[in-house]
N, C-alpha and C. Protein backbone atom coordinates (compact mmCIF):
# COMPACT_ATOMS: atom_id res chain seq x y z
N MET A 1 -1.74 -22.52 84.87
CA MET A 1 -2.22 -21.20 85.12
C MET A 1 -4.47 -21.28 84.47
N ASN A 2 -4.46 -20.05 84.92
CA ASN A 2 -5.98 -19.76 84.57
C ASN A 2 -6.72 -20.19 83.31
N PRO A 3 -7.66 -21.17 83.43
CA PRO A 3 -8.57 -20.92 81.71
C PRO A 3 -8.84 -19.92 81.73
N THR A 4 -9.04 -18.83 82.14
CA THR A 4 -9.82 -17.40 81.36
C THR A 4 -8.27 -16.56 81.20
N ASP A 5 -7.28 -17.11 81.22
CA ASP A 5 -5.51 -16.30 81.19
C ASP A 5 -5.83 -16.70 79.71
N THR A 6 -4.84 -15.91 79.11
CA THR A 6 -4.63 -15.91 77.56
C THR A 6 -3.15 -16.21 77.86
N ASP A 7 -2.77 -16.45 76.50
CA ASP A 7 -1.71 -16.98 76.50
C ASP A 7 -1.12 -18.08 75.00
N ASP A 8 -0.52 -17.17 74.76
CA ASP A 8 0.17 -17.05 73.56
C ASP A 8 0.67 -18.38 73.00
N THR A 9 0.86 -19.27 73.94
CA THR A 9 1.49 -20.59 73.82
C THR A 9 0.44 -21.67 73.39
N VAL A 10 -0.91 -20.81 74.08
CA VAL A 10 -1.47 -22.29 74.11
C VAL A 10 -1.99 -23.20 72.55
N GLY A 11 -1.44 -24.48 72.46
CA GLY A 11 -1.66 -24.71 71.13
C GLY A 11 -1.02 -24.93 70.85
N ALA A 12 0.83 -24.01 71.18
CA ALA A 12 2.10 -24.94 70.76
C ALA A 12 1.94 -26.27 70.15
N GLY A 13 2.51 -26.28 69.87
CA GLY A 13 3.05 -27.75 68.47
C GLY A 13 1.68 -27.95 67.70
N ARG A 14 1.33 -27.25 67.66
CA ARG A 14 -0.18 -27.55 66.29
C ARG A 14 -0.18 -26.73 65.57
N PRO A 15 -0.41 -27.09 64.14
CA PRO A 15 -0.57 -26.59 62.99
C PRO A 15 -1.39 -25.88 63.12
N ARG A 16 -0.91 -24.24 62.57
CA ARG A 16 -2.24 -23.06 62.96
C ARG A 16 -2.38 -23.63 61.16
N SER A 17 -4.05 -23.34 62.09
CA SER A 17 -4.63 -23.63 60.09
C SER A 17 -4.74 -21.85 59.00
N PRO A 18 -4.83 -21.87 57.94
CA PRO A 18 -3.86 -21.14 57.11
C PRO A 18 -4.83 -20.27 57.08
N PRO A 19 -5.47 -18.46 56.85
CA PRO A 19 -6.07 -18.42 56.79
C PRO A 19 -7.40 -18.48 55.77
N ASP A 20 -7.21 -18.84 55.08
CA ASP A 20 -7.87 -19.40 53.76
C ASP A 20 -9.03 -20.78 54.72
N GLY A 21 -8.57 -21.09 55.33
CA GLY A 21 -9.61 -21.72 56.02
C GLY A 21 -9.09 -22.88 55.75
N GLY A 22 -7.67 -23.66 55.47
CA GLY A 22 -7.16 -25.05 54.87
C GLY A 22 -6.85 -25.41 53.32
N GLN A 23 -7.56 -24.51 52.61
CA GLN A 23 -7.74 -24.86 51.07
C GLN A 23 -6.40 -23.96 51.13
N GLN A 24 -5.84 -24.56 49.72
CA GLN A 24 -4.13 -23.86 49.47
C GLN A 24 -4.22 -23.76 48.19
N THR A 25 -4.07 -22.39 48.22
CA THR A 25 -4.93 -21.35 46.61
C THR A 25 -3.83 -22.01 45.86
N ARG A 26 -4.10 -22.30 44.32
CA ARG A 26 -4.14 -22.67 42.95
C ARG A 26 -4.11 -21.38 42.13
N ARG A 27 -2.76 -21.38 41.33
CA ARG A 27 -3.26 -20.56 39.98
C ARG A 27 -4.42 -20.80 38.99
N ALA A 28 -4.77 -20.34 38.88
CA ALA A 28 -5.96 -21.42 37.72
C ALA A 28 -4.75 -21.62 36.59
N MET A 29 -5.39 -22.48 36.20
CA MET A 29 -4.24 -22.48 34.42
C MET A 29 -5.51 -21.76 33.96
N PRO A 30 -4.83 -21.32 32.71
CA PRO A 30 -5.24 -19.97 32.40
C PRO A 30 -6.04 -21.05 30.32
N SER A 31 -7.27 -20.15 30.60
CA SER A 31 -8.03 -20.12 28.92
C SER A 31 -7.59 -20.57 27.35
N THR A 32 -7.98 -21.31 26.37
CA THR A 32 -7.46 -22.28 26.24
C THR A 32 -7.31 -20.54 24.78
N LEU A 33 -8.49 -19.95 25.05
CA LEU A 33 -8.56 -18.47 24.25
C LEU A 33 -7.37 -17.12 24.83
N GLU A 34 -7.36 -17.90 26.02
CA GLU A 34 -6.60 -17.04 26.93
C GLU A 34 -5.16 -17.21 25.93
N LEU A 35 -4.38 -18.53 26.24
CA LEU A 35 -3.34 -18.99 25.39
C LEU A 35 -3.38 -19.24 24.18
N ILE A 36 -4.13 -18.82 23.16
CA ILE A 36 -3.92 -18.58 22.11
C ILE A 36 -4.09 -16.95 21.99
N ARG A 37 -4.51 -16.50 21.91
CA ARG A 37 -4.72 -14.60 21.96
C ARG A 37 -2.88 -14.61 22.74
N LYS A 38 -2.82 -14.96 23.94
CA LYS A 38 -1.36 -14.75 24.21
C LYS A 38 -0.63 -14.73 23.13
N VAL A 39 -0.21 -15.57 22.99
CA VAL A 39 0.36 -17.27 21.73
C VAL A 39 1.18 -16.22 20.86
N LYS A 40 -0.15 -15.67 20.13
CA LYS A 40 0.05 -14.45 18.68
C LYS A 40 0.50 -13.21 19.37
N ASN A 41 -0.22 -13.00 20.29
CA ASN A 41 1.22 -11.07 20.58
C ASN A 41 2.26 -11.84 20.42
N GLU A 42 3.09 -13.24 21.55
CA GLU A 42 3.83 -13.18 21.18
C GLU A 42 4.79 -13.97 19.87
N LEU A 43 4.35 -14.41 19.80
CA LEU A 43 5.09 -14.69 18.18
C LEU A 43 5.37 -13.13 17.38
N HIS A 44 4.67 -13.10 17.55
CA HIS A 44 4.80 -11.43 16.84
C HIS A 44 5.37 -10.38 17.27
N GLU A 45 6.02 -10.51 18.79
CA GLU A 45 6.70 -9.80 18.94
C GLU A 45 8.53 -10.35 18.45
N LEU A 46 8.12 -11.82 18.83
CA LEU A 46 9.29 -12.61 18.03
C LEU A 46 9.92 -12.52 17.41
N THR A 47 8.81 -13.26 16.30
CA THR A 47 9.23 -12.96 14.41
C THR A 47 9.11 -11.72 14.26
N GLY A 48 8.19 -11.04 14.16
CA GLY A 48 7.57 -10.06 13.50
C GLY A 48 6.99 -10.41 12.30
N PHE A 49 5.80 -11.50 11.73
CA PHE A 49 4.84 -11.32 12.10
C PHE A 49 4.23 -11.56 12.28
N THR A 50 2.32 -11.72 12.35
CA THR A 50 0.80 -11.51 11.72
C THR A 50 0.99 -13.59 12.00
N ALA A 51 0.04 -13.14 12.74
CA ALA A 51 -1.02 -14.34 13.07
C ALA A 51 -1.76 -14.71 12.28
N ASP A 52 -1.97 -15.44 11.30
CA ASP A 52 -3.03 -15.56 10.11
C ASP A 52 -4.48 -16.03 10.95
N SER A 53 -4.50 -17.85 11.43
CA SER A 53 -4.29 -18.80 12.08
C SER A 53 -4.45 -19.55 13.48
N VAL A 54 -5.00 -19.96 13.48
CA VAL A 54 -4.49 -21.38 14.75
C VAL A 54 -5.11 -22.65 14.38
N SER A 55 -4.23 -23.72 14.25
CA SER A 55 -4.09 -25.35 13.22
C SER A 55 -4.93 -26.39 14.54
N GLU A 56 -3.97 -26.20 15.72
CA GLU A 56 -3.73 -26.82 16.41
C GLU A 56 -3.91 -26.81 18.18
N VAL A 57 -4.36 -26.51 18.49
CA VAL A 57 -4.26 -26.86 20.50
C VAL A 57 -4.45 -28.15 21.09
N ASN A 58 -3.46 -28.68 22.29
CA ASN A 58 -2.77 -29.93 22.55
C ASN A 58 -2.45 -29.90 24.04
N ALA A 59 -3.09 -30.35 24.65
CA ALA A 59 -3.03 -30.41 26.65
C ALA A 59 -1.66 -31.23 25.59
N THR A 60 -0.29 -31.47 27.02
CA THR A 60 0.50 -32.22 27.30
C THR A 60 1.00 -32.01 28.70
N GLU A 61 1.58 -33.16 29.24
CA GLU A 61 1.98 -33.15 30.40
C GLU A 61 2.67 -32.44 31.11
N ASP A 62 3.18 -31.19 29.91
CA ASP A 62 4.01 -30.25 30.90
C ASP A 62 3.22 -29.24 30.19
N GLY A 63 2.30 -28.87 29.64
CA GLY A 63 1.43 -27.29 29.46
C GLY A 63 0.46 -27.62 27.81
N TRP A 64 1.70 -26.63 27.28
CA TRP A 64 0.63 -27.40 25.86
C TRP A 64 1.62 -27.84 24.90
N GLU A 65 0.69 -27.61 23.80
CA GLU A 65 1.33 -27.49 22.12
C GLU A 65 0.48 -26.64 21.58
N ILE A 66 0.55 -24.86 20.60
CA ILE A 66 0.02 -25.03 19.14
C ILE A 66 0.42 -24.79 18.17
N ILE A 67 -0.47 -24.80 17.25
CA ILE A 67 0.30 -24.93 15.72
C ILE A 67 -0.29 -23.83 16.22
N VAL A 68 0.24 -22.15 15.50
CA VAL A 68 -0.17 -21.57 14.77
C VAL A 68 0.65 -21.14 13.47
N ASN A 69 -0.29 -20.62 12.10
CA ASN A 69 0.07 -20.51 11.69
C ASN A 69 0.21 -18.74 11.06
N LEU A 70 1.57 -18.39 10.07
CA LEU A 70 1.96 -16.62 9.72
C LEU A 70 2.13 -16.25 8.87
N LEU A 71 1.46 -15.13 8.33
CA LEU A 71 1.31 -14.67 6.99
C LEU A 71 3.22 -14.12 7.53
N GLU A 72 4.15 -14.85 6.47
CA GLU A 72 5.58 -14.33 6.58
C GLU A 72 5.69 -13.08 5.34
N LEU A 73 4.51 -13.26 4.35
CA LEU A 73 4.85 -12.46 3.04
C LEU A 73 3.40 -12.60 2.53
N LYS A 74 3.00 -11.74 2.32
CA LYS A 74 1.90 -11.14 2.07
C LYS A 74 1.84 -10.77 -0.06
N ARG A 75 1.38 -10.85 -0.24
CA ARG A 75 0.97 -10.43 -2.30
C ARG A 75 0.10 -10.98 -3.18
N ILE A 76 0.41 -10.96 -4.06
CA ILE A 76 -1.60 -10.10 -4.60
C ILE A 76 -1.20 -10.86 -5.81
N PRO A 77 -1.92 -11.96 -5.75
CA PRO A 77 -3.00 -12.20 -5.22
C PRO A 77 -3.33 -12.46 -3.95
N ALA A 78 -4.06 -12.58 -3.16
CA ALA A 78 -3.91 -12.94 -1.61
C ALA A 78 -3.40 -15.05 -1.70
N SER A 79 -3.94 -15.29 -2.59
CA SER A 79 -3.77 -16.54 -3.39
C SER A 79 -2.53 -17.42 -3.40
N THR A 80 -1.44 -16.61 -3.07
CA THR A 80 0.52 -16.95 -3.18
C THR A 80 1.07 -16.20 -2.01
N ASP A 81 -0.19 -15.66 -1.07
CA ASP A 81 0.92 -15.05 0.10
C ASP A 81 1.78 -16.32 0.87
N LEU A 82 2.76 -16.53 1.44
CA LEU A 82 3.29 -17.23 1.76
C LEU A 82 3.04 -17.69 3.38
N LEU A 83 2.92 -18.03 3.84
CA LEU A 83 2.59 -18.59 5.23
C LEU A 83 3.31 -20.18 6.20
N ALA A 84 3.52 -19.48 6.65
CA ALA A 84 4.06 -20.86 7.15
C ALA A 84 3.63 -21.47 8.81
N ALA A 85 3.75 -22.43 9.37
CA ALA A 85 2.98 -23.48 10.84
C ALA A 85 4.25 -23.49 11.64
N TYR A 86 4.37 -22.52 12.69
CA TYR A 86 4.61 -22.69 13.80
C TYR A 86 4.42 -23.36 14.66
N ARG A 87 5.29 -24.94 15.71
CA ARG A 87 4.93 -25.04 16.66
C ARG A 87 5.34 -24.23 17.62
N ILE A 88 4.38 -23.95 18.38
CA ILE A 88 4.75 -23.06 19.97
C ILE A 88 4.77 -23.88 21.47
N THR A 89 5.75 -24.36 21.96
CA THR A 89 5.79 -25.09 23.46
C THR A 89 5.44 -24.14 24.36
N LEU A 90 4.21 -24.47 25.56
CA LEU A 90 4.00 -23.73 26.36
C LEU A 90 4.56 -24.55 28.31
N ASP A 91 4.30 -23.97 28.73
CA ASP A 91 4.98 -24.28 30.38
C ASP A 91 2.83 -24.53 30.41
N ARG A 92 2.95 -24.43 32.14
CA ARG A 92 1.40 -24.57 32.29
C ARG A 92 0.94 -23.65 32.39
N ASP A 93 1.91 -22.63 32.80
CA ASP A 93 1.02 -20.52 33.26
C ASP A 93 1.23 -20.66 31.66
N GLY A 94 1.86 -20.95 30.73
CA GLY A 94 1.25 -19.89 29.71
C GLY A 94 2.27 -19.56 29.31
N ASN A 95 2.96 -19.61 29.59
CA ASN A 95 4.57 -19.21 28.75
C ASN A 95 5.01 -20.09 27.66
N VAL A 96 5.67 -19.09 26.90
CA VAL A 96 6.31 -20.51 26.22
C VAL A 96 7.52 -20.08 26.33
N VAL A 97 7.75 -21.91 26.20
CA VAL A 97 9.44 -22.07 26.37
C VAL A 97 9.85 -22.30 25.14
N GLY A 98 9.05 -22.37 23.58
CA GLY A 98 10.05 -22.55 22.62
C GLY A 98 8.54 -22.66 21.60
N TYR A 99 9.80 -22.47 20.32
CA TYR A 99 8.71 -22.41 19.27
C TYR A 99 9.53 -22.96 17.89
N ALA A 100 9.21 -23.19 16.87
CA ALA A 100 10.40 -23.34 15.74
C ALA A 100 8.84 -23.46 14.29
N ARG A 101 9.14 -23.50 13.19
CA ARG A 101 8.74 -23.69 11.81
C ARG A 101 8.82 -24.84 12.10
N VAL A 102 7.20 -25.03 11.80
CA VAL A 102 7.67 -26.98 10.78
C VAL A 102 7.25 -26.50 9.81
N ARG A 103 6.79 -25.81 9.36
CA ARG A 103 6.73 -25.72 7.26
C ARG A 103 6.03 -24.87 6.88
N ARG A 104 6.48 -23.95 6.10
CA ARG A 104 6.68 -22.94 4.93
C ARG A 104 5.21 -23.49 3.86
N TYR A 105 4.16 -22.96 3.40
CA TYR A 105 3.47 -22.92 2.23
C TYR A 105 3.21 -22.15 2.03
N LEU A 106 2.37 -22.24 0.66
CA LEU A 106 1.37 -21.20 -0.27
C LEU A 106 0.59 -20.95 0.44
N ARG A 107 -0.57 -19.69 0.85
CA ARG A 107 -2.24 -19.93 0.47
C ARG A 107 -2.63 -20.73 0.63
N ASP A 108 -2.67 -21.23 -1.22
CA ASP A 108 -3.39 -21.82 -1.82
C ASP A 108 -3.66 -23.12 -2.10
N GLN A 109 -1.98 -23.73 -1.69
CA GLN A 109 -1.38 -24.98 -1.25
C GLN A 109 -2.66 -25.88 -0.38
N VAL A 110 -3.02 -27.07 -1.03
CA VAL A 110 -3.17 -27.97 -0.40
C VAL A 110 -2.55 -28.76 0.95
N MET A 111 -2.79 -29.36 2.31
CA MET A 111 -1.90 -29.45 3.23
C MET A 111 -3.21 -30.73 3.27
N GLU A 112 -1.41 -32.06 3.28
CA GLU A 112 -2.74 -33.35 3.64
C GLU A 112 -1.92 -33.62 5.07
N GLU A 113 -3.13 -34.16 5.49
CA GLU A 113 -2.89 -34.63 6.47
C GLU A 113 -1.88 -36.25 7.32
N ALA A 114 -1.46 -36.13 8.26
CA ALA A 114 -0.49 -37.00 8.38
C ALA A 114 -0.96 -38.31 8.93
């Protein structure tokens, strides 16, 4: 073969570089604020209750765990509103893989730390 000839088999057996220059593209992990916004919306769709606040966010080996406080029953005066704390488990991509109500309480109830 003449060095000036072109042949598609030249370099056969050698791995070709990917178009991104060898860099593998990874999906970026969602930010904490993105996770919180998404979880609030999904919980509203799942439960019908409105998110009142987020009291805990923890990264885990498999993703995230978030505690969201939902307003389950609005009352007058507001200090007697019925709230519930929900533990939400997310995978690394921020998808809800489980949730459970872990506590119900009145808004004016003092929460004791464990």
